[in-house]
Amino acid sequence: MIIRKREEKDNNEIVKVWFEASSIAHPFLDADFVEKEKKDLIDIYLPNADIWVCVENNTVIGFISMLGNEIGGLFVSPNKQSKGIGTQLVNFVWELYSELEVEVFEKNQIGIAFYEKYGFVQIKRYYHTESRNYMLRLHYKI
């Protein structure tokens, strides 16, 4: 298993990992919002974010997307979750930034549990009109 910078050839696998993991973490999101997020992932985030992928047997099994020091997305294939891959990805980007922030849906108990275990603390809570859900902004600094 290696972590490396995203390459164009990874894009379809990244979208697949995102969709499968997002479906588990975000069952409360409606289909129209998910479809818009998928389009944004392809059109906006893949070309503009710094993305690192975790690859096993030439297959992307997880990725972390960075917008400055903000984690724009952290997703691991459902069959590879709870094996330390998310932690390895956060540890990898931690080497590049002195502090990290992330926004997570308040109903995303999987994400909140992960980030709290890592040591992130809530600094803000707000209503996200597009998704009709509350978001938490979390911060981490040693």
N, C-alpha and C. Protein backbone atom coordinates (compact mmCIF):
# COMPACT_ATOMS: atom_id res chain seq x y z
N MET A 1 0.85 -1.17 0.00
CA MET A 1 0.00 0.00 0.00
C MET A 1 0.90 1.24 0.00
N ILE A 2 0.60 2.16 -0.94
CA ILE A 2 1.38 3.39 -1.02
C ILE A 2 0.44 4.60 -1.07
N ILE A 3 0.96 5.74 -0.64
CA ILE A 3 0.25 7.01 -0.78
C ILE A 3 1.07 7.83 -1.76
N ARG A 4 0.37 8.36 -2.78
CA ARG A 4 1.04 9.17 -3.79
C ARG A 4 0.08 10.24 -4.29
N LYS A 5 0.64 11.21 -5.00
CA LYS A 5 -0.14 12.29 -5.59
C LYS A 5 -1.09 11.70 -6.65
N ARG A 6 -2.27 12.26 -6.73
CA ARG A 6 -3.27 11.82 -7.71
C ARG A 6 -2.74 12.03 -9.13
N GLU A 7 -3.08 11.07 -9.98
CA GLU A 7 -2.79 11.18 -11.41
C GLU A 7 -4.13 11.15 -12.14
N GLU A 8 -4.16 11.69 -13.36
CA GLU A 8 -5.40 11.72 -14.15
C GLU A 8 -6.06 10.35 -14.22
N LYS A 9 -5.26 9.31 -14.37
CA LYS A 9 -5.81 7.95 -14.52
C LYS A 9 -6.55 7.49 -13.27
N ASP A 10 -6.39 8.18 -12.14
CA ASP A 10 -7.04 7.79 -10.88
C ASP A 10 -8.47 8.33 -10.77
N ASN A 11 -8.84 9.29 -11.61
CA ASN A 11 -10.09 10.02 -11.40
C ASN A 11 -11.33 9.14 -11.28
N ASN A 12 -11.50 8.17 -12.17
CA ASN A 12 -12.69 7.31 -12.09
C ASN A 12 -12.73 6.52 -10.80
N GLU A 13 -11.58 6.02 -10.37
CA GLU A 13 -11.54 5.26 -9.11
C GLU A 13 -11.80 6.17 -7.91
N ILE A 14 -11.31 7.40 -7.96
CA ILE A 14 -11.57 8.36 -6.87
C ILE A 14 -13.07 8.61 -6.75
N VAL A 15 -13.73 8.84 -7.88
CA VAL A 15 -15.18 9.08 -7.87
C VAL A 15 -15.91 7.86 -7.33
N LYS A 16 -15.47 6.67 -7.70
CA LYS A 16 -16.10 5.43 -7.20
C LYS A 16 -15.93 5.30 -5.69
N VAL A 17 -14.72 5.52 -5.19
CA VAL A 17 -14.48 5.47 -3.74
C VAL A 17 -15.34 6.50 -3.04
N TRP A 18 -15.35 7.73 -3.58
CA TRP A 18 -16.17 8.79 -2.97
C TRP A 18 -17.63 8.38 -2.90
N PHE A 19 -18.19 7.89 -4.00
CA PHE A 19 -19.61 7.56 -4.04
C PHE A 19 -19.95 6.44 -3.05
N GLU A 20 -19.15 5.38 -3.05
CA GLU A 20 -19.43 4.24 -2.16
C GLU A 20 -19.29 4.63 -0.69
N ALA A 21 -18.22 5.34 -0.35
CA ALA A 21 -18.01 5.73 1.05
C ALA A 21 -19.00 6.80 1.48
N SER A 22 -19.30 7.72 0.59
CA SER A 22 -20.25 8.79 0.90
C SER A 22 -21.65 8.23 1.14
N SER A 23 -22.02 7.20 0.39
CA SER A 23 -23.34 6.59 0.56
C SER A 23 -23.51 6.01 1.96
N ILE A 24 -22.43 5.50 2.53
CA ILE A 24 -22.47 4.94 3.88
C ILE A 24 -22.45 6.05 4.93
N ALA A 25 -21.59 7.05 4.73
CA ALA A 25 -21.43 8.12 5.72
C ALA A 25 -22.56 9.15 5.67
N HIS A 26 -23.20 9.29 4.51
CA HIS A 26 -24.19 10.35 4.31
C HIS A 26 -25.53 9.82 3.80
N PRO A 27 -26.13 8.83 4.44
CA PRO A 27 -27.42 8.31 3.94
C PRO A 27 -28.55 9.33 4.05
N PHE A 28 -28.34 10.39 4.79
CA PHE A 28 -29.35 11.42 5.03
C PHE A 28 -29.41 12.46 3.89
N LEU A 29 -28.46 12.42 2.95
CA LEU A 29 -28.45 13.39 1.86
C LEU A 29 -29.36 12.94 0.73
N ASP A 30 -30.10 13.88 0.14
CA ASP A 30 -31.00 13.49 -0.95
C ASP A 30 -30.21 13.30 -2.25
N ALA A 31 -30.80 12.54 -3.16
CA ALA A 31 -30.12 12.13 -4.39
C ALA A 31 -29.69 13.32 -5.25
N ASP A 32 -30.50 14.36 -5.31
CA ASP A 32 -30.15 15.53 -6.13
C ASP A 32 -28.89 16.21 -5.59
N PHE A 33 -28.79 16.34 -4.27
CA PHE A 33 -27.61 16.96 -3.68
C PHE A 33 -26.37 16.09 -3.94
N VAL A 34 -26.50 14.78 -3.79
CA VAL A 34 -25.37 13.86 -4.02
C VAL A 34 -24.91 13.97 -5.48
N GLU A 35 -25.85 14.04 -6.41
CA GLU A 35 -25.51 14.16 -7.83
C GLU A 35 -24.77 15.47 -8.10
N LYS A 36 -25.19 16.55 -7.46
CA LYS A 36 -24.50 17.84 -7.62
C LYS A 36 -23.09 17.75 -7.04
N GLU A 37 -22.95 17.11 -5.89
CA GLU A 37 -21.63 16.95 -5.27
C GLU A 37 -20.71 16.11 -6.16
N LYS A 38 -21.26 15.08 -6.80
CA LYS A 38 -20.47 14.25 -7.71
C LYS A 38 -19.98 15.09 -8.89
N LYS A 39 -20.85 15.90 -9.45
CA LYS A 39 -20.48 16.78 -10.56
C LYS A 39 -19.40 17.77 -10.10
N ASP A 40 -19.55 18.34 -8.89
CA ASP A 40 -18.55 19.26 -8.37
C ASP A 40 -17.21 18.56 -8.14
N LEU A 41 -17.26 17.32 -7.69
CA LEU A 41 -16.03 16.55 -7.48
C LEU A 41 -15.27 16.45 -8.80
N ILE A 42 -15.99 16.10 -9.85
CA ILE A 42 -15.37 15.91 -11.17
C ILE A 42 -14.92 17.23 -11.78
N ASP A 43 -15.80 18.24 -11.73
CA ASP A 43 -15.54 19.50 -12.44
C ASP A 43 -14.70 20.51 -11.66
N ILE A 44 -14.80 20.49 -10.33
CA ILE A 44 -14.14 21.52 -9.52
C ILE A 44 -12.99 20.95 -8.69
N TYR A 45 -13.30 19.94 -7.87
CA TYR A 45 -12.30 19.48 -6.90
C TYR A 45 -11.16 18.68 -7.51
N LEU A 46 -11.45 17.76 -8.41
CA LEU A 46 -10.35 16.99 -9.01
C LEU A 46 -9.34 17.91 -9.70
N PRO A 47 -9.79 18.89 -10.49
CA PRO A 47 -8.80 19.74 -11.15
C PRO A 47 -8.11 20.75 -10.24
N ASN A 48 -8.74 21.13 -9.11
CA ASN A 48 -8.23 22.26 -8.33
C ASN A 48 -7.67 21.93 -6.95
N ALA A 49 -7.98 20.78 -6.42
CA ALA A 49 -7.51 20.42 -5.08
C ALA A 49 -6.20 19.64 -5.18
N ASP A 50 -5.45 19.64 -4.09
CA ASP A 50 -4.30 18.75 -3.98
C ASP A 50 -4.82 17.44 -3.42
N ILE A 51 -4.67 16.37 -4.19
CA ILE A 51 -5.26 15.08 -3.81
C ILE A 51 -4.17 14.02 -3.77
N TRP A 52 -4.18 13.27 -2.68
CA TRP A 52 -3.29 12.12 -2.54
C TRP A 52 -4.16 10.88 -2.45
N VAL A 53 -3.70 9.83 -3.10
CA VAL A 53 -4.45 8.57 -3.12
C VAL A 53 -3.66 7.49 -2.39
N CYS A 54 -4.41 6.59 -1.78
CA CYS A 54 -3.84 5.39 -1.19
C CYS A 54 -4.13 4.26 -2.18
N VAL A 55 -3.08 3.61 -2.65
CA VAL A 55 -3.21 2.60 -3.70
C VAL A 55 -2.74 1.25 -3.17
N GLU A 56 -3.55 0.24 -3.46
CA GLU A 56 -3.21 -1.14 -3.11
C GLU A 56 -3.48 -2.00 -4.34
N ASN A 57 -2.51 -2.77 -4.76
CA ASN A 57 -2.64 -3.61 -5.96
C ASN A 57 -3.12 -2.80 -7.16
N ASN A 58 -2.52 -1.63 -7.36
CA ASN A 58 -2.83 -0.74 -8.48
C ASN A 58 -4.26 -0.23 -8.50
N THR A 59 -4.93 -0.25 -7.34
CA THR A 59 -6.31 0.24 -7.22
C THR A 59 -6.37 1.28 -6.12
N VAL A 60 -7.06 2.39 -6.40
CA VAL A 60 -7.26 3.43 -5.40
C VAL A 60 -8.25 2.90 -4.36
N ILE A 61 -7.82 2.88 -3.09
CA ILE A 61 -8.70 2.40 -2.02
C ILE A 61 -9.08 3.52 -1.06
N GLY A 62 -8.48 4.70 -1.25
CA GLY A 62 -8.80 5.84 -0.41
C GLY A 62 -8.11 7.08 -0.95
N PHE A 63 -8.60 8.24 -0.51
CA PHE A 63 -7.96 9.48 -0.93
C PHE A 63 -8.26 10.59 0.07
N ILE A 64 -7.38 11.59 0.04
CA ILE A 64 -7.58 12.79 0.82
C ILE A 64 -7.38 13.97 -0.12
N SER A 65 -8.31 14.91 -0.05
CA SER A 65 -8.32 16.07 -0.91
C SER A 65 -8.10 17.30 -0.05
N MET A 66 -7.11 18.10 -0.41
CA MET A 66 -6.75 19.28 0.38
C MET A 66 -7.00 20.56 -0.40
N LEU A 67 -7.63 21.52 0.27
CA LEU A 67 -7.83 22.88 -0.24
C LEU A 67 -7.11 23.78 0.75
N GLY A 68 -5.86 24.09 0.48
CA GLY A 68 -5.04 24.76 1.48
C GLY A 68 -4.84 23.79 2.63
N ASN A 69 -5.09 24.25 3.87
CA ASN A 69 -4.95 23.36 5.02
C ASN A 69 -6.28 22.70 5.41
N GLU A 70 -7.28 22.82 4.53
CA GLU A 70 -8.58 22.21 4.82
C GLU A 70 -8.73 20.88 4.10
N ILE A 71 -9.15 19.88 4.86
CA ILE A 71 -9.45 18.58 4.26
C ILE A 71 -10.80 18.73 3.56
N GLY A 72 -10.76 18.76 2.23
CA GLY A 72 -11.98 18.89 1.45
C GLY A 72 -12.71 17.58 1.33
N GLY A 73 -12.00 16.49 1.48
CA GLY A 73 -12.60 15.16 1.42
C GLY A 73 -11.62 14.12 1.89
N LEU A 74 -12.12 13.17 2.64
CA LEU A 74 -11.34 12.02 3.09
C LEU A 74 -12.26 10.83 2.99
N PHE A 75 -11.97 9.94 2.05
CA PHE A 75 -12.85 8.81 1.82
C PHE A 75 -12.03 7.55 1.61
N VAL A 76 -12.52 6.44 2.17
CA VAL A 76 -11.87 5.14 2.05
C VAL A 76 -12.93 4.15 1.59
N SER A 77 -12.55 3.26 0.68
CA SER A 77 -13.48 2.23 0.19
C SER A 77 -14.11 1.52 1.38
N PRO A 78 -15.42 1.28 1.34
CA PRO A 78 -16.09 0.66 2.48
C PRO A 78 -15.44 -0.64 2.95
N ASN A 79 -14.97 -1.48 2.04
CA ASN A 79 -14.37 -2.76 2.45
C ASN A 79 -12.95 -2.60 3.00
N LYS A 80 -12.44 -1.35 3.00
CA LYS A 80 -11.10 -1.09 3.54
C LYS A 80 -11.15 -0.17 4.76
N GLN A 81 -12.35 0.18 5.21
CA GLN A 81 -12.49 1.08 6.35
C GLN A 81 -12.12 0.37 7.65
N SER A 82 -11.76 1.16 8.64
CA SER A 82 -11.37 0.67 9.97
C SER A 82 -10.09 -0.16 9.94
N LYS A 83 -9.22 0.13 8.97
CA LYS A 83 -7.94 -0.56 8.87
C LYS A 83 -6.77 0.43 8.96
N GLY A 84 -7.05 1.68 9.37
CA GLY A 84 -6.00 2.67 9.56
C GLY A 84 -5.65 3.48 8.33
N ILE A 85 -6.36 3.29 7.22
CA ILE A 85 -6.04 3.99 5.98
C ILE A 85 -6.34 5.49 6.11
N GLY A 86 -7.49 5.83 6.66
CA GLY A 86 -7.83 7.24 6.87
C GLY A 86 -6.80 7.94 7.75
N THR A 87 -6.38 7.26 8.80
CA THR A 87 -5.37 7.82 9.70
C THR A 87 -4.05 8.02 8.96
N GLN A 88 -3.66 7.05 8.13
CA GLN A 88 -2.42 7.19 7.36
C GLN A 88 -2.49 8.39 6.41
N LEU A 89 -3.66 8.58 5.79
CA LEU A 89 -3.82 9.72 4.88
C LEU A 89 -3.74 11.05 5.63
N VAL A 90 -4.38 11.14 6.79
CA VAL A 90 -4.31 12.37 7.58
C VAL A 90 -2.88 12.58 8.07
N ASN A 91 -2.23 11.53 8.53
CA ASN A 91 -0.84 11.65 8.96
C ASN A 91 0.05 12.15 7.82
N PHE A 92 -0.22 11.68 6.62
CA PHE A 92 0.56 12.08 5.45
C PHE A 92 0.43 13.58 5.21
N VAL A 93 -0.80 14.11 5.20
CA VAL A 93 -0.95 15.55 4.95
C VAL A 93 -0.53 16.38 6.15
N TRP A 94 -0.60 15.79 7.34
CA TRP A 94 -0.17 16.52 8.53
C TRP A 94 1.29 16.95 8.39
N GLU A 95 2.08 16.14 7.70
CA GLU A 95 3.49 16.48 7.47
C GLU A 95 3.64 17.74 6.61
N LEU A 96 2.60 18.11 5.87
CA LEU A 96 2.66 19.23 4.93
C LEU A 96 2.07 20.53 5.51
N TYR A 97 1.27 20.43 6.58
CA TYR A 97 0.56 21.59 7.12
C TYR A 97 0.76 21.63 8.63
N SER A 98 0.80 22.84 9.19
CA SER A 98 1.01 22.97 10.63
C SER A 98 -0.30 22.80 11.42
N GLU A 99 -1.42 22.98 10.74
CA GLU A 99 -2.71 22.72 11.35
C GLU A 99 -3.70 22.36 10.26
N LEU A 100 -4.75 21.66 10.65
CA LEU A 100 -5.75 21.17 9.69
C LEU A 100 -7.14 21.58 10.13
N GLU A 101 -8.02 21.78 9.15
CA GLU A 101 -9.43 22.01 9.42
C GLU A 101 -10.24 21.13 8.48
N VAL A 102 -11.46 20.85 8.88
CA VAL A 102 -12.35 20.02 8.07
C VAL A 102 -13.79 20.38 8.43
N GLU A 103 -14.68 20.26 7.47
CA GLU A 103 -16.10 20.40 7.74
C GLU A 103 -16.75 19.05 7.53
N VAL A 104 -17.63 18.70 8.45
CA VAL A 104 -18.29 17.39 8.40
C VAL A 104 -19.76 17.59 8.76
N PHE A 105 -20.61 16.83 8.08
CA PHE A 105 -22.03 16.90 8.42
C PHE A 105 -22.23 16.43 9.85
N GLU A 106 -23.08 17.14 10.59
CA GLU A 106 -23.35 16.78 11.98
C GLU A 106 -23.91 15.36 12.09
N LYS A 107 -24.65 14.92 11.08
CA LYS A 107 -25.23 13.56 11.10
C LYS A 107 -24.25 12.48 10.67
N ASN A 108 -23.07 12.86 10.23
CA ASN A 108 -22.06 11.90 9.78
C ASN A 108 -21.30 11.38 11.00
N GLN A 109 -21.89 10.43 11.69
CA GLN A 109 -21.29 9.90 12.91
C GLN A 109 -19.97 9.18 12.64
N ILE A 110 -19.83 8.58 11.47
CA ILE A 110 -18.57 7.90 11.11
C ILE A 110 -17.44 8.93 11.05
N GLY A 111 -17.68 10.02 10.33
CA GLY A 111 -16.66 11.06 10.18
C GLY A 111 -16.34 11.74 11.49
N ILE A 112 -17.37 12.09 12.25
CA ILE A 112 -17.15 12.77 13.53
C ILE A 112 -16.34 11.89 14.48
N ALA A 113 -16.69 10.62 14.56
CA ALA A 113 -15.96 9.70 15.44
C ALA A 113 -14.49 9.62 15.02
N PHE A 114 -14.24 9.54 13.71
CA PHE A 114 -12.86 9.47 13.22
C PHE A 114 -12.08 10.73 13.62
N TYR A 115 -12.64 11.89 13.31
CA TYR A 115 -11.92 13.14 13.57
C TYR A 115 -11.73 13.40 15.06
N GLU A 116 -12.72 13.07 15.87
CA GLU A 116 -12.57 13.25 17.32
C GLU A 116 -11.50 12.32 17.87
N LYS A 117 -11.47 11.09 17.37
CA LYS A 117 -10.44 10.14 17.81
C LYS A 117 -9.06 10.66 17.45
N TYR A 118 -8.95 11.31 16.30
CA TYR A 118 -7.68 11.86 15.86
C TYR A 118 -7.27 13.07 16.70
N GLY A 119 -8.25 13.77 17.28
CA GLY A 119 -7.94 14.92 18.12
C GLY A 119 -8.49 16.24 17.62
N PHE A 120 -9.29 16.20 16.56
CA PHE A 120 -9.92 17.43 16.07
C PHE A 120 -10.94 17.91 17.10
N VAL A 121 -11.11 19.24 17.19
CA VAL A 121 -12.11 19.83 18.09
C VAL A 121 -13.02 20.75 17.29
N GLN A 122 -14.27 20.79 17.70
CA GLN A 122 -15.25 21.62 17.01
C GLN A 122 -14.99 23.10 17.29
N ILE A 123 -14.99 23.91 16.22
CA ILE A 123 -14.83 25.35 16.39
C ILE A 123 -16.05 26.12 15.88
N LYS A 124 -16.94 25.43 15.15
CA LYS A 124 -18.10 26.13 14.59
C LYS A 124 -19.18 25.11 14.21
N ARG A 125 -20.44 25.55 14.30
CA ARG A 125 -21.58 24.75 13.84
C ARG A 125 -22.48 25.70 13.06
N TYR A 126 -22.91 25.28 11.87
CA TYR A 126 -23.78 26.15 11.08
C TYR A 126 -24.70 25.32 10.19
N TYR A 127 -25.75 25.97 9.71
CA TYR A 127 -26.72 25.32 8.85
C TYR A 127 -26.28 25.47 7.40
N HIS A 128 -26.18 24.34 6.71
CA HIS A 128 -25.79 24.30 5.30
C HIS A 128 -27.06 24.24 4.47
N THR A 129 -27.42 25.37 3.87
CA THR A 129 -28.70 25.50 3.18
C THR A 129 -28.85 24.50 2.03
N GLU A 130 -27.81 24.34 1.21
CA GLU A 130 -27.90 23.46 0.04
C GLU A 130 -28.28 22.03 0.40
N SER A 131 -27.68 21.50 1.46
CA SER A 131 -27.95 20.11 1.85
C SER A 131 -29.07 19.99 2.88
N ARG A 132 -29.47 21.15 3.45
CA ARG A 132 -30.47 21.18 4.51
C ARG A 132 -30.02 20.35 5.72
N ASN A 133 -28.75 20.51 6.08
CA ASN A 133 -28.16 19.81 7.21
C ASN A 133 -27.21 20.74 7.95
N TYR A 134 -26.97 20.41 9.22
CA TYR A 134 -25.98 21.16 9.99
C TYR A 134 -24.59 20.62 9.69
N MET A 135 -23.62 21.54 9.68
CA MET A 135 -22.22 21.20 9.46
C MET A 135 -21.43 21.58 10.71
N LEU A 136 -20.39 20.82 10.96
CA LEU A 136 -19.45 21.14 12.03
C LEU A 136 -18.10 21.44 11.39
N ARG A 137 -17.48 22.51 11.84
CA ARG A 137 -16.11 22.81 11.40
C ARG A 137 -15.20 22.40 12.54
N LEU A 138 -14.23 21.56 12.20
CA LEU A 138 -13.31 21.00 13.19
C LEU A 138 -11.89 21.49 12.90
N HIS A 139 -11.10 21.57 13.96
CA HIS A 139 -9.74 22.09 13.85
C HIS A 139 -8.80 21.14 14.59
N TYR A 140 -7.58 21.01 14.04
CA TYR A 140 -6.57 20.17 14.68
C TYR A 140 -5.22 20.86 14.61
N LYS A 141 -4.57 20.95 15.73
CA LYS A 141 -3.23 21.51 15.82
C LYS A 141 -2.53 20.88 17.00
N ILE A 142 -1.28 20.50 16.82
CA ILE A 142 -0.53 19.91 17.93
C ILE A 142 -0.15 21.02 18.90
